[in-house]
C-alpha atoms as a PDB file:
ATOM      1  CA  MET A   1       6.959 -16.937  37.875  1.00  0.00           C
ATOM      2  CA  ARG A   2       8.262 -13.377  37.863  1.00  0.00           C
ATOM      3  CA  VAL A   3       5.681 -10.591  38.182  1.00  0.00           C
ATOM      4  CA  ARG A   4       6.303  -7.404  36.241  1.00  0.00           C
ATOM      5  CA  LYS A   5       6.189  -4.124  38.104  1.00  0.00           C
ATOM      6  CA  TYR A   6       4.847  -1.000  36.444  1.00  0.00           C
ATOM      7  CA  ARG A   7       4.875   2.724  37.034  1.00  0.00           C
ATOM      8  CA  TYR A   8       1.636   4.462  36.079  1.00  0.00           C
ATOM      9  CA  MET A   9       1.621   7.869  34.425  1.00  0.00           C
ATOM     10  CA  VAL A  10      -1.096  10.312  33.424  1.00  0.00           C
ATOM     11  CA  CYS A  11      -0.138  12.374  30.365  1.00  0.00           C
ATOM     12  CA  ASP A  12      -1.418  15.005  27.952  1.00  0.00           C
ATOM     13  CA  PHE A  13      -0.257  16.622  24.721  1.00  0.00           C
ATOM     14  CA  GLU A  14      -1.065  20.153  23.610  1.00  0.00           C
ATOM     15  CA  THR A  15      -1.152  20.544  19.830  1.00  0.00           C
ATOM     16  CA  ARG A  16      -1.584  23.467  17.476  1.00  0.00           C
ATOM     17  CA  VAL A  17      -4.828  23.494  15.494  1.00  0.00           C
ATOM     18  CA  TYR A  18      -5.656  26.180  12.960  1.00  0.00           C
ATOM     19  CA  SER A  19      -7.693  26.605   9.794  1.00  0.00           C
ATOM     20  CA  GLY A  20      -6.058  25.164   6.668  1.00  0.00           C
ATOM     21  CA  GLN A  21      -3.295  23.374   8.531  1.00  0.00           C
ATOM     22  CA  VAL A  22      -1.393  20.632   6.725  1.00  0.00           C
ATOM     23  CA  HIS A  23       0.433  19.213   9.757  1.00  0.00           C
ATOM     24  CA  THR A  24       0.645  19.933  13.436  1.00  0.00           C
ATOM     25  CA  GLU A  25       3.085  19.542  16.251  1.00  0.00           C
ATOM     26  CA  VAL A  26       3.144  18.992  19.972  1.00  0.00           C
ATOM     27  CA  TRP A  27       4.140  22.257  21.627  1.00  0.00           C
ATOM     28  CA  ALA A  28       3.716  21.014  25.190  1.00  0.00           C
ATOM     29  CA  SER A  29       3.516  17.684  26.949  1.00  0.00           C
ATOM     30  CA  ALA A  30       2.796  16.975  30.603  1.00  0.00           C
ATOM     31  CA  VAL A  31       3.528  13.759  32.492  1.00  0.00           C
ATOM     32  CA  VAL A  32       2.799  13.000  36.138  1.00  0.00           C
ATOM     33  CA  GLU A  33       3.240   9.739  37.980  1.00  0.00           C
ATOM     34  CA  MET A  34      -0.040   8.707  39.559  1.00  0.00           C
ATOM     35  CA  TYR A  35      -0.435   9.536  43.247  1.00  0.00           C
ATOM     36  CA  THR A  36       2.404  12.071  43.168  1.00  0.00           C
ATOM     37  CA  ASP A  37       2.658  15.813  42.583  1.00  0.00           C
ATOM     38  CA  ASP A  38       5.788  15.469  40.430  1.00  0.00           C
ATOM     39  CA  VAL A  39       4.621  17.022  37.145  1.00  0.00           C
ATOM     40  CA  LYS A  40       7.098  17.042  34.263  1.00  0.00           C
ATOM     41  CA  ILE A  41       6.630  19.489  31.367  1.00  0.00           C
ATOM     42  CA  PHE A  42       8.217  18.913  27.945  1.00  0.00           C
ATOM     43  CA  HIS A  43       8.183  20.835  24.675  1.00  0.00           C
ATOM     44  CA  SER A  44       8.030  18.022  22.115  1.00  0.00           C
ATOM     45  CA  ILE A  45       7.123  14.382  21.659  1.00  0.00           C
ATOM     46  CA  ASP A  46      10.840  13.589  21.424  1.00  0.00           C
ATOM     47  CA  GLU A  47      11.554  15.115  24.856  1.00  0.00           C
ATOM     48  CA  THR A  48       8.664  13.121  26.340  1.00  0.00           C
ATOM     49  CA  LEU A  49       9.860   9.823  24.864  1.00  0.00           C
ATOM     50  CA  GLU A  50      13.430  10.474  25.988  1.00  0.00           C
ATOM     51  CA  TYR A  51      12.142  10.980  29.536  1.00  0.00           C
ATOM     52  CA  PHE A  52      10.220   7.693  29.364  1.00  0.00           C
ATOM     53  CA  ARG A  53      13.341   5.885  28.139  1.00  0.00           C
ATOM     54  CA  SER A  54      15.435   7.424  30.922  1.00  0.00           C
ATOM     55  CA  LEU A  55      13.164   5.879  33.560  1.00  0.00           C
ATOM     56  CA  ASN A  56      14.307   2.427  32.431  1.00  0.00           C
ATOM     57  CA  CYS A  57      11.212   0.659  33.755  1.00  0.00           C
ATOM     58  CA  ASN A  58       7.863  -0.701  32.629  1.00  0.00           C
ATOM     59  CA  LEU A  59       5.333   2.094  32.138  1.00  0.00           C
ATOM     60  CA  ILE A  60       1.610   2.293  31.662  1.00  0.00           C
ATOM     61  CA  CYS A  61       0.649   5.749  30.418  1.00  0.00           C
ATOM     62  CA  TYR A  62      -2.901   7.073  30.353  1.00  0.00           C
ATOM     63  CA  TYR A  63      -3.284   9.929  27.867  1.00  0.00           C
ATOM     64  CA  HIS A  64      -6.026  12.512  28.036  1.00  0.00           C
ATOM     65  CA  ASN A  65      -7.864  12.829  24.689  1.00  0.00           C
ATOM     66  CA  LEU A  66      -5.334  10.671  22.804  1.00  0.00           C
ATOM     67  CA  LYS A  67      -7.829   9.881  20.027  1.00  0.00           C
ATOM     68  CA  PHE A  68      -7.661  13.543  18.938  1.00  0.00           C
ATOM     69  CA  ASP A  69      -4.010  14.339  19.725  1.00  0.00           C
ATOM     70  CA  GLY A  70      -2.761  10.993  18.450  1.00  0.00           C
ATOM     71  CA  SER A  71      -4.479  11.464  15.088  1.00  0.00           C
ATOM     72  CA  PHE A  72      -1.742  13.883  14.061  1.00  0.00           C
END
């Protein structure tokens, strides 16, 4: 049986929140592979997902406060 290998990332989104807002956007995104100092900074969700796709591997991503940021 083949065992899958994963890379583990810790990630966070920064979103705009203001009174009366109808929608929001990610204005910054940070990704770092666990146990490294190689922090990647992006300026949209699209840039972040393109980076993940470019790695061409199995990923497990842990997001800080995703319940809040993901609600948008």
